[in-house]
Every structure is written in C-alpha cells, then in structure tokens.
Protein backbone atom coordinates (compact mmCIF):
# COMPACT_ATOMS: atom_id res chain seq x y z
CA UNK A 1 -45.73 -88.65 15.51
CA UNK A 2 -44.28 -89.53 18.88
CA UNK A 3 -42.87 -92.87 17.79
CA UNK A 4 -39.57 -92.10 19.47
CA UNK A 5 -41.19 -92.36 22.91
CA UNK A 6 -40.00 -88.94 24.01
CA UNK A 7 -36.37 -89.68 23.21
CA UNK A 8 -35.97 -86.39 21.34
CA UNK A 9 -36.95 -84.38 24.43
CA UNK A 10 -34.54 -86.36 26.61
CA UNK A 11 -31.71 -85.85 24.14
CA UNK A 12 -32.46 -82.13 23.98
CA UNK A 13 -32.49 -81.92 27.78
CA UNK A 14 -29.25 -83.89 28.01
CA UNK A 15 -27.64 -81.61 25.44
CA UNK A 16 -28.76 -78.59 27.45
CA UNK A 17 -27.31 -80.09 30.65
CA UNK A 18 -23.98 -80.75 28.92
CA UNK A 19 -23.86 -77.17 27.63
CA UNK A 20 -24.73 -75.85 31.09
CA UNK A 21 -21.99 -77.95 32.68
CA UNK A 22 -19.49 -76.69 30.10
CA UNK A 23 -20.54 -73.12 30.88
CA UNK A 24 -20.12 -73.73 34.61
CA UNK A 25 -16.68 -75.16 34.00
CA UNK A 26 -15.74 -72.11 31.93
CA UNK A 27 -16.93 -69.82 34.74
CA UNK A 28 -14.88 -71.76 37.29
CA UNK A 29 -11.79 -71.69 35.08
CA UNK A 30 -12.16 -67.93 34.58
CA UNK A 31 -11.21 -67.57 38.24
CA UNK A 32 -7.76 -69.06 37.64
CA UNK A 33 -7.04 -68.45 33.95
CA UNK A 34 -5.94 -65.17 32.31
CA UNK A 35 -9.25 -64.77 30.49
CA UNK A 36 -10.85 -64.08 33.86
CA UNK A 37 -8.74 -60.92 33.93
CA UNK A 38 -8.69 -59.81 30.28
CA UNK A 39 -11.21 -60.49 27.52
CA UNK A 40 -9.71 -63.01 25.06
CA UNK A 41 -8.45 -61.74 21.72
CA UNK A 42 -11.06 -63.63 19.71
CA UNK A 43 -13.98 -61.61 21.19
CA UNK A 44 -14.78 -58.86 18.68
CA UNK A 45 -14.87 -55.33 20.03
CA UNK A 46 -13.84 -56.28 23.57
CA UNK A 47 -10.55 -58.13 23.07
CA UNK A 48 -7.81 -57.20 25.49
CA UNK A 49 -10.02 -55.15 27.81
CA UNK A 50 -9.75 -55.70 31.52
CA UNK A 51 -12.59 -57.62 33.15
CA UNK A 52 -13.94 -55.96 36.30
CA UNK A 53 -13.51 -58.38 39.24
CA UNK A 54 -17.19 -58.20 40.19
CA UNK A 55 -18.26 -59.38 36.72
CA UNK A 56 -16.58 -62.70 37.48
CA UNK A 57 -16.93 -62.83 41.28
CA UNK A 58 -20.68 -62.21 41.61
CA UNK A 59 -21.85 -65.07 39.33
CA UNK A 60 -19.19 -67.36 40.80
CA UNK A 61 -20.33 -66.63 44.36
CA UNK A 62 -23.99 -67.14 43.40
CA UNK A 63 -22.95 -70.47 41.90
CA UNK A 64 -21.07 -71.39 45.08
CA UNK A 65 -24.11 -70.68 47.24
CA UNK A 66 -26.37 -72.61 44.86
CA UNK A 67 -24.05 -75.63 44.77
CA UNK A 68 -23.68 -75.63 48.55
CA UNK A 69 -27.45 -75.59 49.11
CA UNK A 70 -28.16 -78.03 46.27
CA UNK A 71 -25.73 -80.74 47.31
CA UNK A 72 -26.32 -80.33 51.03
CA UNK A 73 -30.06 -80.83 50.56
CA UNK A 74 -29.67 -83.59 47.96
CA UNK A 75 -27.15 -85.64 49.91
CA UNK A 76 -28.85 -84.92 53.23
CA UNK A 77 -32.15 -86.30 51.91
CA UNK A 78 -30.66 -89.27 50.02
CA UNK A 79 -30.70 -91.77 52.93
CA UNK A 80 -34.36 -90.98 53.59
CA UNK A 81 -35.57 -91.14 49.99
CA UNK A 82 -35.62 -93.92 47.44
CA UNK A 83 -32.22 -93.06 45.97
CA UNK A 84 -30.40 -95.98 47.58
CA UNK A 85 -33.22 -98.43 46.75
CA UNK A 86 -31.68 -98.80 43.29
CA UNK A 87 -28.65 -100.52 44.80
CA UNK A 88 -29.09 -103.93 46.35
CA UNK A 89 -25.76 -104.52 48.08
CA UNK A 90 -24.78 -102.53 51.18
CA UNK A 91 -21.26 -102.29 49.72
CA UNK A 92 -22.64 -100.71 46.56
CA UNK A 93 -24.65 -98.24 48.64
CA UNK A 94 -21.53 -97.34 50.62
CA UNK A 95 -19.49 -96.91 47.43
CA UNK A 96 -22.13 -94.62 45.91
CA UNK A 97 -22.25 -92.55 49.12
CA UNK A 98 -18.45 -92.20 49.19
CA UNK A 99 -18.43 -91.16 45.52
CA UNK A 100 -21.10 -88.50 46.05
CA UNK A 101 -19.68 -87.04 49.29
CA UNK A 102 -17.02 -84.85 47.56
CA UNK A 103 -19.87 -82.91 45.95
CA UNK A 104 -20.47 -81.37 49.38
CA UNK A 105 -17.09 -79.63 49.07
CA UNK A 106 -17.74 -78.19 45.59
CA UNK A 107 -19.71 -75.12 46.75
CA UNK A 108 -17.42 -74.12 49.65
CA UNK A 109 -14.29 -74.66 47.54
CA UNK A 110 -15.75 -72.53 44.76
CA UNK A 111 -16.55 -69.82 47.34
CA UNK A 112 -12.95 -69.91 48.61
CA UNK A 113 -11.62 -69.73 45.05
CA UNK A 114 -13.93 -66.81 44.30
CA UNK A 115 -12.82 -64.87 47.40
CA UNK A 116 -9.18 -65.51 46.52
CA UNK A 117 -9.78 -64.27 42.95
CA UNK A 118 -11.58 -61.16 44.17
CA UNK A 119 -8.90 -60.29 46.75
CA UNK A 120 -6.12 -60.84 44.22
CA UNK A 121 -7.81 -58.77 41.51
CA UNK A 122 -8.86 -56.01 43.94
CA UNK A 123 -5.35 -55.73 45.38
CA UNK A 124 -3.88 -55.59 41.83
CA UNK A 125 -6.09 -52.61 41.05
CA UNK A 126 -5.23 -50.87 44.30
CA UNK A 127 -1.50 -51.53 43.94
CA UNK A 128 -1.45 -50.27 40.32
CA UNK A 129 -3.29 -47.09 41.34
CA UNK A 130 -0.81 -46.61 44.18
CA UNK A 131 2.09 -47.14 41.77
CA UNK A 132 0.71 -44.48 39.41
CA UNK A 133 0.24 -42.05 42.32
CA UNK A 134 3.77 -42.72 43.60
CA UNK A 135 5.27 -42.26 40.14
CA UNK A 136 3.45 -38.97 39.63
CA UNK A 137 4.60 -37.70 43.05
CA UNK A 138 8.20 -38.65 42.38
CA UNK A 139 8.25 -36.89 39.00
CA UNK A 140 6.37 -33.87 40.32
CA UNK A 141 3.63 -34.25 37.70
CA UNK A 142 -0.05 -34.50 38.29
CA UNK A 143 -2.45 -36.27 35.97
CA UNK A 144 -5.62 -34.27 35.71
C-alpha cells in the first residue's frame, strides 16, 4: 500500500545499478583476461570458440566515449551546481574534488586499453594467417 515510502523502488534501482556496474567491470576485464579472446568453457554451445576482436572492442569503445563525456560534463558542472553545497568545510570540498578527479581518466584509459586489445588481437590473427601461408609455401601444399 505504499507504506514503505518508495523504498522498494530505490532498492530495485540500486540493485540494477550494482548489476550494471558488475557488467561494466566484466566488460573491462574481458580486455585483459583470456575470456576476452575465447568463450569460457561454462557457456553451452559456444565454449572454446574464438571471440572476434570487434565483439569486445566496439562496446568497450562506446563505453569509453560515454564515460569520457559523462564525467567531463559532471565534474565540469559540479562547481557551478549545488553538489558542493552538501559539504560545509572548504577542506571537505577539496577532498571530495580530489577523490572525484580520477574519474576523468576512466574513459581515456579505457579507450587506450581497448585500442591495445584490438591491436594485439588483430595482429595475432594476421600473424597466424601469415604463419599458415608460410607453412603451406614451405611444404609445397595449398589449402583450398
């Protein structure tokens, strides 16, 4: 009957935010962990298959652009909004600003990580194709 004062909606929203953050973390880790290259063994029907680099790189780059815009706008507007009104001491305001500043680096660092992943995975594919071509030339066989 609404006696909880909207607490259920807030808990549901908080749960959704936690799940979203966990998903973002999994996407970021896929750039540096083996399961960003091969589907894990516990996934039915796909286990062990190679993951195309663009399947990981495109969402990661979209996330990097989103994070860069989001935190640049949010932190850029903070001194002009009422965000710092919640803190009375100038030292507290400075501490909060210093704690939030690293968020500006999150998007660009994710973009750099994504480009590194894509270059590494693209060069692996090119070097393995070149190795197959070299091996077939040296044995005199052609794969048709």
